Amino acid sequence: MNDDFFHDDLELYINNVLKPYWSNFKYSRAGGIYNPDIRKNHFNADVLISSDILNGTDIEYNPKGKLFLHYTSIKNLISILRSQSVRLYDFNNFNDPLEFVYANKYFLSKERIELELKEFKSQLFGLSLCEYNEDNITNNINLWRLYADNGNGVCIVFELANENINEIYDYTFGKIKYCQIGVNIEELEKIRERAEEYQKKYDFSCTNLEDLLTPICCFYKTNLFKIENEIRLFHFSKKRPYDKHYDDEVKSDLNNQNSKVYFKEVPILNTSNNRVPQLKIKEILFGYNLKPEHKTDLELVIEDLNLPEKIPVKWSPIKNHFI
């Protein structure tokens, strides 16, 4: 059987099923086990994550020249500064129980969700950020309450230091799209319909479409979380459930519920590695409920860390509402 025919079928499938919505889709490998004397009527593939993979979709986001906010506890801040890195945790550590499942319900069977959900989530890593703007800085008390220890924590202001974001490998930035509960996600519904129609018409299908669409499904959430207005830094550490993490830098830890989770560290200080996001800390904002004496203690602890660069620290502007 000539492989040229298979590759033609593969490209036609991708162009007709995926690219009407996901125009910048790329795959790193496509194949399967076939009888050489029989036409190859299916394929499986590994998606290739890159900084521009979401370009052309409604979840595309260009981080260049932007500032980002990350709300967290003081304990986590000290851990970030001490390790000089920020952690991207796997999706099992996220607070939304519908994370990833909400969108992938179009492709994953109920049986696979029940049996493999934890494995699916263990291959996906994310860091939740908000874009820096006046409203988020001065008025958004909900994010302080939910993610910064009810105003007793901090907000870290990050900037992306990479000069050329197109060099970033295995990571992408995207904006979360919030959808109404009970209402179909039109673009994903159409992908499924196109896949079914293509199989009927041409007898050619993708056997792991749910794996292939994993990166897209990681950027849809319900309207319940709309107040977050989240920008997500996303990393894909392995290509399908039950594979081992191919990245040696993936580590494990116990979360607050004493469950095992995985994480990947991204440097926060200068690094010569342009293939990873360089999230440089521009400043640290203290929470509005933090006591003055605790603010002083925190400043002294940060000073004792002897960081290679001095990081500006100040009260959050939202504290003006409490004076």
C-alpha atoms as a PDB file:
ATOM      1  CA  MET A   1       0.000   0.000   0.000  1.00  0.00           C
ATOM      2  CA  ASN A   2       1.484   3.363  -1.017  1.00  0.00           C
ATOM      3  CA  ASP A   3       1.872   5.697   1.978  1.00  0.00           C
ATOM      4  CA  ASP A   4       1.339   8.686  -0.304  1.00  0.00           C
ATOM      5  CA  PHE A   5      -2.370   7.838  -0.474  1.00  0.00           C
ATOM      6  CA  PHE A   6      -2.549   7.712   3.314  1.00  0.00           C
ATOM      7  CA  HIS A   7      -0.877  11.094   3.712  1.00  0.00           C
ATOM      8  CA  ASP A   8      -3.224  12.592   1.133  1.00  0.00           C
ATOM      9  CA  ASP A   9      -6.202  11.220   3.078  1.00  0.00           C
ATOM     10  CA  LEU A  10      -4.712  12.544   6.299  1.00  0.00           C
ATOM     11  CA  GLU A  11      -4.251  16.055   4.968  1.00  0.00           C
ATOM     12  CA  LEU A  12      -7.747  16.095   3.461  1.00  0.00           C
ATOM     13  CA  TYR A  13      -9.227  14.987   6.792  1.00  0.00           C
ATOM     14  CA  ILE A  14      -7.367  17.687   8.723  1.00  0.00           C
ATOM     15  CA  ASN A  15      -8.275  20.376   6.194  1.00  0.00           C
ATOM     16  CA  ASN A  16     -11.962  19.411   6.147  1.00  0.00           C
ATOM     17  CA  VAL A  17     -12.594  18.454   9.777  1.00  0.00           C
ATOM     18  CA  LEU A  18     -10.206  20.444  11.978  1.00  0.00           C
ATOM     19  CA  LYS A  19      -8.929  23.471  10.112  1.00  0.00           C
ATOM     20  CA  PRO A  20     -12.276  25.197   9.485  1.00  0.00           C
ATOM     21  CA  TYR A  21     -12.022  26.153  13.184  1.00  0.00           C
ATOM     22  CA  TRP A  22      -8.472  25.244  14.219  1.00  0.00           C
ATOM     23  CA  SER A  23      -6.595  26.765  11.285  1.00  0.00           C
ATOM     24  CA  ASN A  24      -3.134  26.464  12.838  1.00  0.00           C
ATOM     25  CA  PHE A  25      -3.430  22.817  13.865  1.00  0.00           C
ATOM     26  CA  LYS A  26      -0.141  20.919  13.647  1.00  0.00           C
ATOM     27  CA  TYR A  27       0.754  17.316  14.402  1.00  0.00           C
ATOM     28  CA  SER A  28       4.136  15.889  15.351  1.00  0.00           C
ATOM     29  CA  ARG A  29       3.369  12.311  14.383  1.00  0.00           C
ATOM     30  CA  ALA A  30       0.573  10.459  12.637  1.00  0.00           C
ATOM     31  CA  GLY A  31       0.266   6.744  11.978  1.00  0.00           C
ATOM     32  CA  GLY A  32      -1.044   3.470  13.305  1.00  0.00           C
ATOM     33  CA  ILE A  33      -0.806  -0.269  12.746  1.00  0.00           C
ATOM     34  CA  TYR A  34      -2.025  -1.278   9.311  1.00  0.00           C
ATOM     35  CA  ASN A  35      -2.170  -4.212   6.927  1.00  0.00           C
ATOM     36  CA  PRO A  36      -0.036  -3.123   3.939  1.00  0.00           C
ATOM     37  CA  ASP A  37      -2.473  -4.739   1.488  1.00  0.00           C
ATOM     38  CA  ILE A  38      -5.531  -2.907   2.788  1.00  0.00           C
ATOM     39  CA  ARG A  39      -6.336   0.774   2.421  1.00  0.00           C
ATOM     40  CA  LYS A  40      -5.550   2.713   5.570  1.00  0.00           C
ATOM     41  CA  ASN A  41      -8.907   4.101   6.601  1.00  0.00           C
ATOM     42  CA  HIS A  42      -7.983   5.615   9.956  1.00  0.00           C
ATOM     43  CA  PHE A  43      -5.133   7.320  11.775  1.00  0.00           C
ATOM     44  CA  ASN A  44      -4.050   8.504  15.195  1.00  0.00           C
ATOM     45  CA  ALA A  45      -1.829  11.503  15.797  1.00  0.00           C
ATOM     46  CA  ASP A  46       0.021  13.563  18.381  1.00  0.00           C
ATOM     47  CA  VAL A  47      -0.696  17.272  18.471  1.00  0.00           C
ATOM     48  CA  LEU A  48       2.321  19.592  18.351  1.00  0.00           C
ATOM     49  CA  ILE A  49       2.059  22.353  20.958  1.00  0.00           C
ATOM     50  CA  SER A  50       3.671  25.653  20.011  1.00  0.00           C
ATOM     51  CA  SER A  51       3.243  29.294  20.944  1.00  0.00           C
ATOM     52  CA  ASP A  52       1.037  29.957  17.904  1.00  0.00           C
ATOM     53  CA  ILE A  53      -1.044  26.751  17.972  1.00  0.00           C
ATOM     54  CA  LEU A  54      -4.249  28.632  18.912  1.00  0.00           C
ATOM     55  CA  ASN A  55      -3.869  31.344  16.270  1.00  0.00           C
ATOM     56  CA  GLY A  56      -7.050  31.859  14.293  1.00  0.00           C
ATOM     57  CA  THR A  57      -9.360  30.478  17.011  1.00  0.00           C
ATOM     58  CA  ASP A  58     -11.516  32.517  19.363  1.00  0.00           C
ATOM     59  CA  ILE A  59      -9.266  31.507  22.248  1.00  0.00           C
ATOM     60  CA  GLU A  60      -6.115  32.919  20.631  1.00  0.00           C
ATOM     61  CA  TYR A  61      -4.129  35.290  22.840  1.00  0.00           C
ATOM     62  CA  ASN A  62      -0.967  37.253  22.125  1.00  0.00           C
ATOM     63  CA  PRO A  63       0.957  37.834  25.395  1.00  0.00           C
ATOM     64  CA  LYS A  64       3.650  40.034  23.896  1.00  0.00           C
ATOM     65  CA  GLY A  65       4.023  43.325  25.720  1.00  0.00           C
ATOM     66  CA  LYS A  66       1.347  42.431  28.295  1.00  0.00           C
ATOM     67  CA  LEU A  67       1.452  42.397  32.087  1.00  0.00           C
ATOM     68  CA  PHE A  68      -0.279  39.642  34.068  1.00  0.00           C
ATOM     69  CA  LEU A  69      -1.691  39.255  37.557  1.00  0.00           C
ATOM     70  CA  HIS A  70      -1.409  36.086  39.616  1.00  0.00           C
ATOM     71  CA  TYR A  71      -3.216  36.012  42.973  1.00  0.00           C
ATOM     72  CA  THR A  72      -1.783  33.679  45.584  1.00  0.00           C
ATOM     73  CA  SER A  73      -0.954  33.164  49.259  1.00  0.00           C
ATOM     74  CA  ILE A  74       2.147  34.491  51.018  1.00  0.00           C
ATOM     75  CA  LYS A  75       3.336  30.916  51.517  1.00  0.00           C
ATOM     76  CA  ASN A  76       3.199  30.295  47.779  1.00  0.00           C
ATOM     77  CA  LEU A  77       4.926  33.604  47.052  1.00  0.00           C
ATOM     78  CA  ILE A  78       7.877  32.670  49.278  1.00  0.00           C
ATOM     79  CA  SER A  79       8.052  29.262  47.585  1.00  0.00           C
ATOM     80  CA  ILE A  80       8.096  30.945  44.163  1.00  0.00           C
ATOM     81  CA  LEU A  81      10.834  33.379  45.175  1.00  0.00           C
ATOM     82  CA  ARG A  82      12.930  30.725  46.899  1.00  0.00           C
ATOM     83  CA  SER A  83      12.817  28.339  43.932  1.00  0.00           C
ATOM     84  CA  GLN A  84      13.022  31.263  41.475  1.00  0.00           C
ATOM     85  CA  SER A  85      10.281  29.574  39.481  1.00  0.00           C
ATOM     86  CA  VAL A  86       6.509  29.380  39.247  1.00  0.00           C
ATOM     87  CA  ARG A  87       4.665  26.084  39.063  1.00  0.00           C
ATOM     88  CA  LEU A  88       2.245  25.010  36.371  1.00  0.00           C
ATOM     89  CA  TYR A  89       0.126  22.335  38.063  1.00  0.00           C
ATOM     90  CA  ASP A  90      -1.695  19.517  36.342  1.00  0.00           C
ATOM     91  CA  PHE A  91      -5.441  19.875  35.946  1.00  0.00           C
ATOM     92  CA  ASN A  92      -6.159  17.524  38.860  1.00  0.00           C
ATOM     93  CA  ASN A  93      -5.114  20.402  41.118  1.00  0.00           C
ATOM     94  CA  PHE A  94      -7.587  22.923  39.649  1.00  0.00           C
ATOM     95  CA  ASN A  95     -10.609  24.065  41.662  1.00  0.00           C
ATOM     96  CA  ASP A  96     -13.153  23.655  38.847  1.00  0.00           C
ATOM     97  CA  PRO A  97     -14.442  20.025  38.876  1.00  0.00           C
ATOM     98  CA  LEU A  98     -15.608  20.433  35.260  1.00  0.00           C
ATOM     99  CA  GLU A  99     -12.179  21.562  34.066  1.00  0.00           C
ATOM    100  CA  PHE A 100     -11.399  19.929  30.704  1.00  0.00           C
ATOM    101  CA  VAL A 101     -14.485  17.666  30.913  1.00  0.00           C
ATOM    102  CA  TYR A 102     -16.862  20.542  30.188  1.00  0.00           C
ATOM    103  CA  ALA A 103     -15.659  20.820  26.587  1.00  0.00           C
ATOM    104  CA  ASN A 104     -14.416  17.298  25.952  1.00  0.00           C
ATOM    105  CA  LYS A 105     -17.864  15.860  26.710  1.00  0.00           C
ATOM    106  CA  TYR A 106     -18.394  16.107  22.958  1.00  0.00           C
ATOM    107  CA  PHE A 107     -15.733  13.486  22.327  1.00  0.00           C
ATOM    108  CA  LEU A 108     -15.049  11.465  25.477  1.00  0.00           C
ATOM    109  CA  SER A 109     -17.498   8.711  26.302  1.00  0.00           C
ATOM    110  CA  LYS A 110     -18.964   8.591  29.800  1.00  0.00           C
ATOM    111  CA  GLU A 111     -17.033   5.368  30.401  1.00  0.00           C
ATOM    112  CA  ARG A 112     -13.717   6.976  29.431  1.00  0.00           C
ATOM    113  CA  ILE A 113     -14.411   9.988  31.640  1.00  0.00           C
ATOM    114  CA  GLU A 114     -15.087   7.727  34.623  1.00  0.00           C
ATOM    115  CA  LEU A 115     -12.065   5.502  33.997  1.00  0.00           C
ATOM    116  CA  GLU A 116      -9.471   7.886  32.590  1.00  0.00           C
ATOM    117  CA  LEU A 117     -10.283  11.421  33.699  1.00  0.00           C
ATOM    118  CA  LYS A 118      -7.476  11.602  36.249  1.00  0.00           C
ATOM    119  CA  GLU A 119      -5.018  10.276  33.674  1.00  0.00           C
ATOM    120  CA  PHE A 120      -6.216  12.777  31.087  1.00  0.00           C
ATOM    121  CA  LYS A 121      -5.818  15.655  33.523  1.00  0.00           C
ATOM    122  CA  SER A 122      -2.345  14.541  34.607  1.00  0.00           C
ATOM    123  CA  GLN A 123      -0.980  15.327  31.139  1.00  0.00           C
ATOM    124  CA  LEU A 124      -2.290  18.921  31.145  1.00  0.00           C
ATOM    125  CA  PHE A 125      -0.584  21.793  32.955  1.00  0.00           C
ATOM    126  CA  GLY A 126      -1.717  25.354  33.432  1.00  0.00           C
ATOM    127  CA  LEU A 127      -1.028  28.607  35.223  1.00  0.00           C
ATOM    128  CA  SER A 128      -3.990  30.931  35.780  1.00  0.00           C
ATOM    129  CA  LEU A 129      -3.354  34.617  35.123  1.00  0.00           C
ATOM    130  CA  CYS A 130      -5.379  37.788  34.572  1.00  0.00           C
ATOM    131  CA  GLU A 131      -4.419  40.511  32.176  1.00  0.00           C
ATOM    132  CA  TYR A 132      -3.234  43.640  33.972  1.00  0.00           C
ATOM    133  CA  ASN A 133      -5.794  46.428  33.685  1.00  0.00           C
ATOM    134  CA  GLU A 134      -7.114  49.214  35.878  1.00  0.00           C
ATOM    135  CA  ASP A 135     -10.319  47.437  36.847  1.00  0.00           C
ATOM    136  CA  ASN A 136      -8.562  44.218  37.920  1.00  0.00           C
ATOM    137  CA  ILE A 137      -6.046  46.216  39.948  1.00  0.00           C
ATOM    138  CA  THR A 138      -8.404  48.598  41.745  1.00  0.00           C
ATOM    139  CA  ASN A 139     -11.808  46.900  41.929  1.00  0.00           C
ATOM    140  CA  ASN A 140     -11.741  43.125  41.537  1.00  0.00           C
ATOM    141  CA  ILE A 141     -12.057  42.082  45.167  1.00  0.00           C
ATOM    142  CA  ASN A 142     -13.441  38.648  44.227  1.00  0.00           C
ATOM    143  CA  LEU A 143     -10.076  37.447  42.944  1.00  0.00           C
ATOM    144  CA  TRP A 144      -8.439  38.530  46.201  1.00  0.00           C
ATOM    145  CA  ARG A 145     -11.078  36.680  48.194  1.00  0.00           C
ATOM    146  CA  LEU A 146     -10.913  33.492  46.151  1.00  0.00           C
ATOM    147  CA  TYR A 147      -7.219  33.122  45.354  1.00  0.00           C
ATOM    148  CA  ALA A 148      -5.223  35.400  47.663  1.00  0.00           C
ATOM    149  CA  ASP A 149      -6.263  34.204  51.103  1.00  0.00           C
ATOM    150  CA  ASN A 150      -9.199  36.616  51.379  1.00  0.00           C
ATOM    151  CA  GLY A 151      -6.969  39.656  50.941  1.00  0.00           C
ATOM    152  CA  ASN A 152      -4.246  38.362  53.268  1.00  0.00           C
ATOM    153  CA  GLY A 153      -2.133  37.156  50.359  1.00  0.00           C
ATOM    154  CA  VAL A 154      -0.454  38.883  47.444  1.00  0.00           C
ATOM    155  CA  CYS A 155      -0.854  39.610  43.775  1.00  0.00           C
ATOM    156  CA  ILE A 156       2.246  38.982  41.674  1.00  0.00           C
ATOM    157  CA  VAL A 157       2.595  41.167  38.590  1.00  0.00           C
ATOM    158  CA  PHE A 158       4.379  39.257  35.833  1.00  0.00           C
ATOM    159  CA  GLU A 159       5.728  40.375  32.503  1.00  0.00           C
ATOM    160  CA  LEU A 160       6.740  38.057  29.678  1.00  0.00           C
ATOM    161  CA  ALA A 161      10.443  38.695  29.135  1.00  0.00           C
ATOM    162  CA  ASN A 162      10.866  36.574  25.986  1.00  0.00           C
ATOM    163  CA  GLU A 163      11.870  38.793  23.089  1.00  0.00           C
ATOM    164  CA  ASN A 164      10.508  36.367  20.510  1.00  0.00           C
ATOM    165  CA  ILE A 165       7.485  34.443  21.743  1.00  0.00           C
ATOM    166  CA  ASN A 166       7.463  32.343  18.561  1.00  0.00           C
ATOM    167  CA  GLU A 167      10.502  30.494  19.899  1.00  0.00           C
ATOM    168  CA  ILE A 168       8.573  29.151  22.897  1.00  0.00           C
ATOM    169  CA  TYR A 169       8.234  25.377  22.570  1.00  0.00           C
ATOM    170  CA  ASP A 170       5.597  23.118  24.153  1.00  0.00           C
ATOM    171  CA  TYR A 171       3.739  26.094  25.688  1.00  0.00           C
ATOM    172  CA  THR A 172       0.974  28.400  24.557  1.00  0.00           C
ATOM    173  CA  PHE A 173      -1.056  31.271  25.978  1.00  0.00           C
ATOM    174  CA  GLY A 174      -4.813  31.335  25.474  1.00  0.00           C
ATOM    175  CA  LYS A 175      -7.841  33.173  26.813  1.00  0.00           C
ATOM    176  CA  ILE A 176     -10.561  31.158  28.496  1.00  0.00           C
ATOM    177  CA  LYS A 177     -13.910  31.203  26.713  1.00  0.00           C
ATOM    178  CA  TYR A 178     -16.855  31.103  29.108  1.00  0.00           C
ATOM    179  CA  CYS A 179     -20.041  29.407  27.907  1.00  0.00           C
ATOM    180  CA  GLN A 180     -23.549  28.953  29.234  1.00  0.00           C
ATOM    181  CA  ILE A 181     -24.310  25.696  31.006  1.00  0.00           C
ATOM    182  CA  GLY A 182     -26.597  23.469  28.954  1.00  0.00           C
ATOM    183  CA  VAL A 183     -25.828  25.288  25.708  1.00  0.00           C
ATOM    184  CA  ASN A 184     -23.746  23.440  23.126  1.00  0.00           C
ATOM    185  CA  ILE A 185     -20.327  24.839  22.276  1.00  0.00           C
ATOM    186  CA  GLU A 186     -20.977  25.494  18.614  1.00  0.00           C
ATOM    187  CA  GLU A 187     -17.432  25.267  17.267  1.00  0.00           C
ATOM    188  CA  LEU A 188     -16.791  21.930  19.012  1.00  0.00           C
ATOM    189  CA  GLU A 189     -20.180  20.561  18.019  1.00  0.00           C
ATOM    190  CA  LYS A 190     -19.331  21.332  14.392  1.00  0.00           C
ATOM    191  CA  ILE A 191     -15.979  19.524  14.624  1.00  0.00           C
ATOM    192  CA  ARG A 192     -17.758  16.405  15.809  1.00  0.00           C
ATOM    193  CA  GLU A 193     -20.365  16.701  13.059  1.00  0.00           C
ATOM    194  CA  ARG A 194     -17.711  17.187  10.384  1.00  0.00           C
ATOM    195  CA  ALA A 195     -15.789  14.144  11.678  1.00  0.00           C
ATOM    196  CA  GLU A 196     -18.900  11.956  11.538  1.00  0.00           C
ATOM    197  CA  GLU A 197     -19.839  13.183   8.060  1.00  0.00           C
ATOM    198  CA  TYR A 198     -16.306  12.680   6.757  1.00  0.00           C
ATOM    199  CA  GLN A 199     -16.189   9.104   8.040  1.00  0.00           C
ATOM    200  CA  LYS A 200     -19.518   8.285   6.387  1.00  0.00           C
ATOM    201  CA  LYS A 201     -18.570   9.887   3.091  1.00  0.00           C
ATOM    202  CA  TYR A 202     -14.913   8.860   2.743  1.00  0.00           C
ATOM    203  CA  ASP A 203     -14.501   5.940   5.183  1.00  0.00           C
ATOM    204  CA  PHE A 204     -11.635   7.702   6.921  1.00  0.00           C
ATOM    205  CA  SER A 205     -11.455   8.707  10.569  1.00  0.00           C
ATOM    206  CA  CYS A 206      -9.247   9.743  13.476  1.00  0.00           C
ATOM    207  CA  THR A 207      -9.201   7.084  16.186  1.00  0.00           C
ATOM    208  CA  ASN A 208      -7.986   9.463  18.916  1.00  0.00           C
ATOM    209  CA  LEU A 209      -9.881  12.641  18.121  1.00  0.00           C
ATOM    210  CA  GLU A 210     -10.470  13.245  21.833  1.00  0.00           C
ATOM    211  CA  ASP A 211      -6.687  13.258  22.415  1.00  0.00           C
ATOM    212  CA  LEU A 212      -6.119  15.487  19.416  1.00  0.00           C
ATOM    213  CA  LEU A 213      -8.582  18.116  20.642  1.00  0.00           C
ATOM    214  CA  THR A 214      -7.293  18.147  24.214  1.00  0.00           C
ATOM    215  CA  PRO A 215      -5.494  21.539  23.921  1.00  0.00           C
ATOM    216  CA  ILE A 216      -8.623  23.223  22.566  1.00  0.00           C
ATOM    217  CA  CYS A 217     -10.863  21.724  25.266  1.00  0.00           C
ATOM    218  CA  CYS A 218      -8.597  23.132  27.990  1.00  0.00           C
ATOM    219  CA  PHE A 219      -9.720  26.685  27.228  1.00  0.00           C
ATOM    220  CA  TYR A 220     -13.491  26.354  27.731  1.00  0.00           C
ATOM    221  CA  LYS A 221     -15.231  26.848  31.079  1.00  0.00           C
ATOM    222  CA  THR A 222     -18.747  27.527  32.300  1.00  0.00           C
ATOM    223  CA  ASN A 223     -20.035  31.024  33.006  1.00  0.00           C
ATOM    224  CA  LEU A 224     -19.829  30.207  36.723  1.00  0.00           C
ATOM    225  CA  PHE A 225     -16.149  31.205  36.549  1.00  0.00           C
ATOM    226  CA  LYS A 226     -16.537  34.240  34.300  1.00  0.00           C
ATOM    227  CA  ILE A 227     -15.405  36.682  37.004  1.00  0.00           C
ATOM    228  CA  GLU A 228     -11.898  35.206  36.694  1.00  0.00           C
ATOM    229  CA  ASN A 229     -11.474  36.559  33.139  1.00  0.00           C
ATOM    230  CA  GLU A 230      -8.612  34.079  32.938  1.00  0.00           C
ATOM    231  CA  ILE A 231      -5.615  34.018  30.653  1.00  0.00           C
ATOM    232  CA  ARG A 232      -4.003  30.581  30.778  1.00  0.00           C
ATOM    233  CA  LEU A 233      -0.420  29.536  30.212  1.00  0.00           C
ATOM    234  CA  PHE A 234      -0.734  25.955  28.997  1.00  0.00           C
ATOM    235  CA  HIS A 235       1.755  23.099  28.739  1.00  0.00           C
ATOM    236  CA  PHE A 236       1.235  19.592  27.368  1.00  0.00           C
ATOM    237  CA  SER A 237       3.625  17.125  28.987  1.00  0.00           C
ATOM    238  CA  LYS A 238       2.621  13.864  27.353  1.00  0.00           C
ATOM    239  CA  LYS A 239       0.556  12.976  24.365  1.00  0.00           C
ATOM    240  CA  ARG A 240      -2.047  10.504  25.622  1.00  0.00           C
ATOM    241  CA  PRO A 241      -3.289   9.019  28.908  1.00  0.00           C
ATOM    242  CA  TYR A 242      -1.185   6.321  30.602  1.00  0.00           C
ATOM    243  CA  ASP A 243       1.988   7.431  28.822  1.00  0.00           C
ATOM    244  CA  LYS A 244       4.764   8.399  31.183  1.00  0.00           C
ATOM    245  CA  HIS A 245       5.733  12.057  31.281  1.00  0.00           C
ATOM    246  CA  TYR A 246       8.395  12.353  28.642  1.00  0.00           C
ATOM    247  CA  ASP A 247       9.671  15.557  30.245  1.00  0.00           C
ATOM    248  CA  ASP A 248      12.179  14.800  33.040  1.00  0.00           C
ATOM    249  CA  GLU A 249      11.417  18.209  34.587  1.00  0.00           C
ATOM    250  CA  VAL A 250       7.872  17.179  35.516  1.00  0.00           C
ATOM    251  CA  LYS A 251       7.795  16.640  39.286  1.00  0.00           C
ATOM    252  CA  SER A 252       5.173  15.478  41.765  1.00  0.00           C
ATOM    253  CA  ASP A 253       3.861  16.798  45.063  1.00  0.00           C
ATOM    254  CA  LEU A 254       0.890  16.494  47.420  1.00  0.00           C
ATOM    255  CA  ASN A 255      -1.772  19.192  47.202  1.00  0.00           C
ATOM    256  CA  ASN A 256      -3.835  20.642  50.067  1.00  0.00           C
ATOM    257  CA  GLN A 257      -6.095  17.560  49.976  1.00  0.00           C
ATOM    258  CA  ASN A 258      -3.026  15.278  50.216  1.00  0.00           C
ATOM    259  CA  SER A 259      -3.593  13.967  46.681  1.00  0.00           C
ATOM    260  CA  LYS A 260      -0.664  13.414  44.339  1.00  0.00           C
ATOM    261  CA  VAL A 261      -0.379  16.051  41.612  1.00  0.00           C
ATOM    262  CA  TYR A 262       2.246  16.856  39.007  1.00  0.00           C
ATOM    263  CA  PHE A 263       3.803  20.218  38.250  1.00  0.00           C
ATOM    264  CA  LYS A 264       6.221  21.831  35.811  1.00  0.00           C
ATOM    265  CA  GLU A 265       8.393  24.788  36.850  1.00  0.00           C
ATOM    266  CA  VAL A 266       8.906  27.886  34.710  1.00  0.00           C
ATOM    267  CA  PRO A 267      11.732  30.314  35.622  1.00  0.00           C
ATOM    268  CA  ILE A 268      10.819  33.760  36.953  1.00  0.00           C
ATOM    269  CA  LEU A 269      14.290  35.285  36.627  1.00  0.00           C
ATOM    270  CA  ASN A 270      16.596  35.751  33.689  1.00  0.00           C
ATOM    271  CA  THR A 271      17.412  32.588  31.786  1.00  0.00           C
ATOM    272  CA  SER A 272      19.151  31.931  28.511  1.00  0.00           C
ATOM    273  CA  ASN A 273      16.532  29.342  27.559  1.00  0.00           C
ATOM    274  CA  ASN A 274      14.204  31.098  25.101  1.00  0.00           C
ATOM    275  CA  ARG A 275      12.208  27.917  24.534  1.00  0.00           C
ATOM    276  CA  VAL A 276      10.321  28.311  27.804  1.00  0.00           C
ATOM    277  CA  PRO A 277       8.211  31.286  28.925  1.00  0.00           C
ATOM    278  CA  GLN A 278      10.213  33.740  31.016  1.00  0.00           C
ATOM    279  CA  LEU A 279       7.757  35.191  33.526  1.00  0.00           C
ATOM    280  CA  LYS A 280       9.698  37.977  35.175  1.00  0.00           C
ATOM    281  CA  ILE A 281       8.223  39.472  38.363  1.00  0.00           C
ATOM    282  CA  LYS A 282       7.695  43.184  37.839  1.00  0.00           C
ATOM    283  CA  GLU A 283       6.256  43.925  41.291  1.00  0.00           C
ATOM    284  CA  ILE A 284       4.417  42.371  44.243  1.00  0.00           C
ATOM    285  CA  LEU A 285       1.166  43.849  45.580  1.00  0.00           C
ATOM    286  CA  PHE A 286       0.244  43.205  49.210  1.00  0.00           C
ATOM    287  CA  GLY A 287      -3.320  42.207  50.032  1.00  0.00           C
ATOM    288  CA  TYR A 288      -5.735  44.732  51.531  1.00  0.00           C
ATOM    289  CA  ASN A 289      -6.281  42.637  54.705  1.00  0.00           C
ATOM    290  CA  LEU A 290      -2.592  42.116  55.448  1.00  0.00           C
ATOM    291  CA  LYS A 291      -1.574  43.650  58.766  1.00  0.00           C
ATOM    292  CA  PRO A 292       1.209  46.275  58.600  1.00  0.00           C
ATOM    293  CA  GLU A 293       3.486  44.214  60.865  1.00  0.00           C
ATOM    294  CA  HIS A 294       3.027  41.177  58.607  1.00  0.00           C
ATOM    295  CA  LYS A 295       3.840  43.304  55.567  1.00  0.00           C
ATOM    296  CA  THR A 296       7.086  44.352  57.288  1.00  0.00           C
ATOM    297  CA  ASP A 297       7.935  40.723  58.132  1.00  0.00           C
ATOM    298  CA  LEU A 298       7.304  39.678  54.541  1.00  0.00           C
ATOM    299  CA  GLU A 299       9.564  42.440  53.216  1.00  0.00           C
ATOM    300  CA  LEU A 300      12.330  41.263  55.560  1.00  0.00           C
ATOM    301  CA  VAL A 301      11.927  37.623  54.460  1.00  0.00           C
ATOM    302  CA  ILE A 302      12.125  38.665  50.795  1.00  0.00           C
ATOM    303  CA  GLU A 303      15.260  40.682  51.585  1.00  0.00           C
ATOM    304  CA  ASP A 304      16.830  37.647  53.316  1.00  0.00           C
ATOM    305  CA  LEU A 305      16.366  35.573  50.152  1.00  0.00           C
ATOM    306  CA  ASN A 306      19.138  37.645  48.500  1.00  0.00           C
ATOM    307  CA  LEU A 307      17.464  37.572  45.111  1.00  0.00           C
ATOM    308  CA  PRO A 308      19.682  38.622  42.179  1.00  0.00           C
ATOM    309  CA  GLU A 309      17.247  41.438  41.360  1.00  0.00           C
ATOM    310  CA  LYS A 310      15.320  43.681  43.725  1.00  0.00           C
ATOM    311  CA  ILE A 311      11.562  43.328  43.285  1.00  0.00           C
ATOM    312  CA  PRO A 312       9.363  46.369  44.072  1.00  0.00           C
ATOM    313  CA  VAL A 313       6.730  45.654  46.736  1.00  0.00           C
ATOM    314  CA  LYS A 314       3.761  47.851  47.670  1.00  0.00           C
ATOM    315  CA  TRP A 315       0.165  47.827  48.855  1.00  0.00           C
ATOM    316  CA  SER A 316      -2.465  46.893  46.317  1.00  0.00           C
ATOM    317  CA  PRO A 317      -4.501  49.920  45.124  1.00  0.00           C
ATOM    318  CA  ILE A 318      -7.613  48.071  46.305  1.00  0.00           C
ATOM    319  CA  LYS A 319      -6.533  48.847  49.877  1.00  0.00           C
ATOM    320  CA  ASN A 320      -7.647  52.449  49.252  1.00  0.00           C
ATOM    321  CA  HIS A 321     -11.224  51.191  49.589  1.00  0.00           C
ATOM    322  CA  PHE A 322     -10.500  50.134  53.190  1.00  0.00           C
ATOM    323  CA  ILE A 323      -8.843  53.282  54.533  1.00  0.00           C
END
